[in-house]
Amino acid sequence: MAESKVTGIIQSLNGLEDDLDSLNSKVADMKKQLNTKAQNEVEKLLEKTREMATKEAEVIINASKEKANAESAKIAHDGESKLAEIQSKINDNFDEAVNHVVSTVLKA
Protein backbone atom coordinates (compact mmCIF):
# COMPACT_ATOMS: atom_id res chain seq x y z
CA MET A 1 0.00 0.00 0.00
CA ALA A 2 2.82 2.42 0.80
CA GLU A 3 4.27 1.73 -2.61
CA SER A 4 1.03 2.70 -4.34
CA LYS A 5 0.93 5.96 -2.37
CA VAL A 6 4.50 6.73 -3.43
CA THR A 7 3.62 5.85 -7.00
CA GLY A 8 0.56 8.11 -6.79
CA ILE A 9 2.68 10.95 -5.40
CA ILE A 10 5.28 10.45 -8.12
CA GLN A 11 2.59 10.45 -10.77
CA SER A 12 1.08 13.59 -9.27
CA LEU A 13 4.50 15.23 -9.23
CA ASN A 14 5.08 14.18 -12.85
CA GLY A 15 1.69 15.66 -13.72
CA LEU A 16 2.62 18.91 -11.94
CA GLU A 17 5.95 18.97 -13.73
CA ASP A 18 4.18 18.51 -17.06
CA ASP A 19 1.77 21.31 -16.13
CA LEU A 20 4.69 23.57 -15.20
CA ASP A 21 6.43 22.80 -18.49
CA SER A 22 3.20 23.57 -20.33
CA LEU A 23 2.80 26.84 -18.40
CA ASN A 24 6.42 27.79 -19.08
CA SER A 25 5.86 27.15 -22.76
CA LYS A 26 2.68 29.24 -22.73
CA VAL A 27 4.47 32.04 -20.88
CA ALA A 28 7.28 31.97 -23.44
CA ASP A 29 4.72 32.18 -26.26
CA MET A 30 2.97 35.07 -24.51
CA LYS A 31 6.30 36.88 -24.13
CA LYS A 32 6.93 36.48 -27.86
CA GLN A 33 3.46 37.80 -28.66
CA LEU A 34 3.89 40.76 -26.31
CA ASN A 35 7.29 41.55 -27.81
CA THR A 36 5.82 41.39 -31.31
CA LYS A 37 2.91 43.64 -30.34
CA ALA A 38 5.25 46.07 -28.59
CA GLN A 39 7.53 46.19 -31.65
CA ASN A 40 4.54 46.81 -33.91
CA GLU A 41 3.34 49.64 -31.67
CA VAL A 42 6.83 51.14 -31.62
CA GLU A 43 6.93 51.04 -35.43
CA LYS A 44 3.48 52.65 -35.67
CA LEU A 45 4.45 55.40 -33.24
CA LEU A 46 7.73 55.96 -35.06
CA GLU A 47 5.87 56.32 -38.36
CA LYS A 48 3.38 58.76 -36.81
CA THR A 49 6.26 60.75 -35.33
CA ARG A 50 7.95 60.90 -38.74
CA GLU A 51 4.73 62.08 -40.36
CA MET A 52 4.26 64.76 -37.71
CA ALA A 53 7.88 65.88 -38.05
CA THR A 54 7.55 65.99 -41.84
CA LYS A 55 4.39 68.10 -41.64
CA GLU A 56 6.00 70.47 -39.14
CA ALA A 57 9.10 70.74 -41.32
CA GLU A 58 6.92 71.55 -44.34
CA VAL A 59 5.17 74.29 -42.37
CA ILE A 60 8.51 75.76 -41.30
CA ILE A 61 9.92 75.54 -44.84
CA ASN A 62 6.84 77.16 -46.35
CA ALA A 63 6.95 79.97 -43.79
CA SER A 64 10.64 80.49 -44.53
CA LYS A 65 9.94 80.57 -48.28
CA GLU A 66 7.21 83.16 -47.83
CA LYS A 67 9.47 85.29 -45.66
CA ALA A 68 12.35 84.97 -48.14
CA ASN A 69 10.07 85.88 -51.05
CA ALA A 70 8.77 88.92 -49.17
CA GLU A 71 12.31 90.03 -48.34
CA SER A 72 13.40 89.42 -51.92
CA ALA A 73 10.51 91.52 -53.26
CA LYS A 74 11.38 94.31 -50.80
CA ILE A 75 15.05 94.22 -51.82
CA ALA A 76 14.08 94.29 -55.50
CA HIS A 77 11.73 97.23 -54.88
CA ASP A 78 14.40 99.10 -52.92
CA GLY A 79 16.91 98.42 -55.71
CA GLU A 80 14.53 99.75 -58.33
CA SER A 81 13.94 102.87 -56.21
CA LYS A 82 17.68 103.47 -55.83
CA LEU A 83 18.21 102.89 -59.55
CA ALA A 84 15.47 105.38 -60.38
CA GLU A 85 17.05 107.88 -57.97
CA ILE A 86 20.48 107.44 -59.55
CA GLN A 87 19.00 107.69 -63.03
CA SER A 88 17.24 110.90 -62.02
CA LYS A 89 20.47 112.39 -60.64
CA ILE A 90 22.31 111.47 -63.85
CA ASN A 91 19.61 113.05 -65.96
CA ASP A 92 19.53 116.18 -63.77
CA ASN A 93 23.32 116.69 -63.94
CA PHE A 94 23.99 115.40 -67.46
CA ASP A 95 24.03 118.80 -69.19
CA GLU A 96 26.28 120.27 -66.50
CA ALA A 97 28.70 117.34 -66.82
CA VAL A 98 28.83 117.67 -70.61
CA ASN A 99 29.49 121.39 -70.34
CA HIS A 100 32.26 120.78 -67.82
CA VAL A 101 33.93 118.18 -70.07
CA VAL A 102 33.69 120.43 -73.14
CA SER A 103 35.06 123.35 -71.16
CA THR A 104 37.95 121.27 -69.88
CA VAL A 105 38.77 119.94 -73.37
CA LEU A 106 38.67 123.41 -74.93
CA LYS A 107 41.02 124.85 -72.28
CA ALA A 108 43.61 122.23 -72.96
C-alpha atoms as a PDB file:
ATOM      1  CA  MET A   1       0.000   0.000   0.000  1.00  0.00           C
ATOM      2  CA  ALA A   2       2.825   2.422   0.797  1.00  0.00           C
ATOM      3  CA  GLU A   3       4.271   1.730  -2.610  1.00  0.00           C
ATOM      4  CA  SER A   4       1.026   2.698  -4.339  1.00  0.00           C
ATOM      5  CA  LYS A   5       0.928   5.957  -2.369  1.00  0.00           C
ATOM      6  CA  VAL A   6       4.503   6.726  -3.433  1.00  0.00           C
ATOM      7  CA  THR A   7       3.619   5.853  -7.002  1.00  0.00           C
ATOM      8  CA  GLY A   8       0.560   8.113  -6.792  1.00  0.00           C
ATOM      9  CA  ILE A   9       2.679  10.952  -5.396  1.00  0.00           C
ATOM     10  CA  ILE A  10       5.284  10.450  -8.124  1.00  0.00           C
ATOM     11  CA  GLN A  11       2.586  10.445 -10.773  1.00  0.00           C
ATOM     12  CA  SER A  12       1.083  13.589  -9.270  1.00  0.00           C
ATOM     13  CA  LEU A  13       4.499  15.233  -9.232  1.00  0.00           C
ATOM     14  CA  ASN A  14       5.079  14.177 -12.849  1.00  0.00           C
ATOM     15  CA  GLY A  15       1.694  15.664 -13.722  1.00  0.00           C
ATOM     16  CA  LEU A  16       2.615  18.908 -11.941  1.00  0.00           C
ATOM     17  CA  GLU A  17       5.951  18.972 -13.729  1.00  0.00           C
ATOM     18  CA  ASP A  18       4.184  18.511 -17.059  1.00  0.00           C
ATOM     19  CA  ASP A  19       1.769  21.311 -16.134  1.00  0.00           C
ATOM     20  CA  LEU A  20       4.693  23.567 -15.202  1.00  0.00           C
ATOM     21  CA  ASP A  21       6.432  22.802 -18.486  1.00  0.00           C
ATOM     22  CA  SER A  22       3.202  23.574 -20.330  1.00  0.00           C
ATOM     23  CA  LEU A  23       2.796  26.838 -18.398  1.00  0.00           C
ATOM     24  CA  ASN A  24       6.424  27.790 -19.084  1.00  0.00           C
ATOM     25  CA  SER A  25       5.859  27.146 -22.764  1.00  0.00           C
ATOM     26  CA  LYS A  26       2.676  29.238 -22.734  1.00  0.00           C
ATOM     27  CA  VAL A  27       4.472  32.042 -20.880  1.00  0.00           C
ATOM     28  CA  ALA A  28       7.277  31.968 -23.442  1.00  0.00           C
ATOM     29  CA  ASP A  29       4.715  32.178 -26.261  1.00  0.00           C
ATOM     30  CA  MET A  30       2.968  35.069 -24.513  1.00  0.00           C
ATOM     31  CA  LYS A  31       6.298  36.878 -24.127  1.00  0.00           C
ATOM     32  CA  LYS A  32       6.933  36.482 -27.858  1.00  0.00           C
ATOM     33  CA  GLN A  33       3.461  37.795 -28.658  1.00  0.00           C
ATOM     34  CA  LEU A  34       3.894  40.761 -26.311  1.00  0.00           C
ATOM     35  CA  ASN A  35       7.293  41.549 -27.809  1.00  0.00           C
ATOM     36  CA  THR A  36       5.818  41.387 -31.307  1.00  0.00           C
ATOM     37  CA  LYS A  37       2.911  43.642 -30.335  1.00  0.00           C
ATOM     38  CA  ALA A  38       5.246  46.071 -28.586  1.00  0.00           C
ATOM     39  CA  GLN A  39       7.527  46.189 -31.647  1.00  0.00           C
ATOM     40  CA  ASN A  40       4.535  46.810 -33.915  1.00  0.00           C
ATOM     41  CA  GLU A  41       3.341  49.642 -31.672  1.00  0.00           C
ATOM     42  CA  VAL A  42       6.831  51.140 -31.623  1.00  0.00           C
ATOM     43  CA  GLU A  43       6.930  51.037 -35.426  1.00  0.00           C
ATOM     44  CA  LYS A  44       3.478  52.649 -35.674  1.00  0.00           C
ATOM     45  CA  LEU A  45       4.446  55.400 -33.241  1.00  0.00           C
ATOM     46  CA  LEU A  46       7.728  55.964 -35.059  1.00  0.00           C
ATOM     47  CA  GLU A  47       5.872  56.321 -38.358  1.00  0.00           C
ATOM     48  CA  LYS A  48       3.383  58.758 -36.808  1.00  0.00           C
ATOM     49  CA  THR A  49       6.259  60.748 -35.327  1.00  0.00           C
ATOM     50  CA  ARG A  50       7.955  60.903 -38.742  1.00  0.00           C
ATOM     51  CA  GLU A  51       4.729  62.077 -40.359  1.00  0.00           C
ATOM     52  CA  MET A  52       4.260  64.765 -37.714  1.00  0.00           C
ATOM     53  CA  ALA A  53       7.878  65.885 -38.053  1.00  0.00           C
ATOM     54  CA  THR A  54       7.550  65.993 -41.843  1.00  0.00           C
ATOM     55  CA  LYS A  55       4.392  68.100 -41.641  1.00  0.00           C
ATOM     56  CA  GLU A  56       6.000  70.466 -39.143  1.00  0.00           C
ATOM     57  CA  ALA A  57       9.105  70.740 -41.324  1.00  0.00           C
ATOM     58  CA  GLU A  58       6.922  71.550 -44.344  1.00  0.00           C
ATOM     59  CA  VAL A  59       5.169  74.291 -42.370  1.00  0.00           C
ATOM     60  CA  ILE A  60       8.506  75.764 -41.303  1.00  0.00           C
ATOM     61  CA  ILE A  61       9.917  75.538 -44.844  1.00  0.00           C
ATOM     62  CA  ASN A  62       6.839  77.165 -46.354  1.00  0.00           C
ATOM     63  CA  ALA A  63       6.946  79.971 -43.794  1.00  0.00           C
ATOM     64  CA  SER A  64      10.639  80.485 -44.534  1.00  0.00           C
ATOM     65  CA  LYS A  65       9.940  80.567 -48.281  1.00  0.00           C
ATOM     66  CA  GLU A  66       7.210  83.156 -47.833  1.00  0.00           C
ATOM     67  CA  LYS A  67       9.473  85.292 -45.656  1.00  0.00           C
ATOM     68  CA  ALA A  68      12.345  84.973 -48.143  1.00  0.00           C
ATOM     69  CA  ASN A  69      10.068  85.880 -51.049  1.00  0.00           C
ATOM     70  CA  ALA A  70       8.771  88.922 -49.167  1.00  0.00           C
ATOM     71  CA  GLU A  71      12.311  90.034 -48.340  1.00  0.00           C
ATOM     72  CA  SER A  72      13.397  89.416 -51.925  1.00  0.00           C
ATOM     73  CA  ALA A  73      10.512  91.517 -53.256  1.00  0.00           C
ATOM     74  CA  LYS A  74      11.382  94.309 -50.800  1.00  0.00           C
ATOM     75  CA  ILE A  75      15.045  94.222 -51.823  1.00  0.00           C
ATOM     76  CA  ALA A  76      14.075  94.291 -55.501  1.00  0.00           C
ATOM     77  CA  HIS A  77      11.729  97.232 -54.883  1.00  0.00           C
ATOM     78  CA  ASP A  78      14.404  99.095 -52.920  1.00  0.00           C
ATOM     79  CA  GLY A  79      16.906  98.415 -55.714  1.00  0.00           C
ATOM     80  CA  GLU A  80      14.526  99.751 -58.329  1.00  0.00           C
ATOM     81  CA  SER A  81      13.937 102.866 -56.214  1.00  0.00           C
ATOM     82  CA  LYS A  82      17.681 103.471 -55.833  1.00  0.00           C
ATOM     83  CA  LEU A  83      18.215 102.888 -59.553  1.00  0.00           C
ATOM     84  CA  ALA A  84      15.474 105.385 -60.380  1.00  0.00           C
ATOM     85  CA  GLU A  85      17.053 107.880 -57.970  1.00  0.00           C
ATOM     86  CA  ILE A  86      20.479 107.445 -59.550  1.00  0.00           C
ATOM     87  CA  GLN A  87      18.997 107.689 -63.030  1.00  0.00           C
ATOM     88  CA  SER A  88      17.238 110.895 -62.018  1.00  0.00           C
ATOM     89  CA  LYS A  89      20.467 112.389 -60.644  1.00  0.00           C
ATOM     90  CA  ILE A  90      22.310 111.470 -63.847  1.00  0.00           C
ATOM     91  CA  ASN A  91      19.608 113.054 -65.957  1.00  0.00           C
ATOM     92  CA  ASP A  92      19.531 116.181 -63.774  1.00  0.00           C
ATOM     93  CA  ASN A  93      23.318 116.687 -63.938  1.00  0.00           C
ATOM     94  CA  PHE A  94      23.993 115.399 -67.460  1.00  0.00           C
ATOM     95  CA  ASP A  95      24.033 118.795 -69.185  1.00  0.00           C
ATOM     96  CA  GLU A  96      26.278 120.267 -66.505  1.00  0.00           C
ATOM     97  CA  ALA A  97      28.696 117.340 -66.821  1.00  0.00           C
ATOM     98  CA  VAL A  98      28.830 117.675 -70.613  1.00  0.00           C
ATOM     99  CA  ASN A  99      29.489 121.393 -70.338  1.00  0.00           C
ATOM    100  CA  HIS A 100      32.261 120.784 -67.818  1.00  0.00           C
ATOM    101  CA  VAL A 101      33.926 118.176 -70.068  1.00  0.00           C
ATOM    102  CA  VAL A 102      33.693 120.426 -73.143  1.00  0.00           C
ATOM    103  CA  SER A 103      35.062 123.354 -71.161  1.00  0.00           C
ATOM    104  CA  THR A 104      37.954 121.265 -69.881  1.00  0.00           C
ATOM    105  CA  VAL A 105      38.773 119.935 -73.373  1.00  0.00           C
ATOM    106  CA  LEU A 106      38.669 123.407 -74.929  1.00  0.00           C
ATOM    107  CA  LYS A 107      41.017 124.855 -72.283  1.00  0.00           C
ATOM    108  CA  ALA A 108      43.612 122.231 -72.962  1.00  0.00           C
END
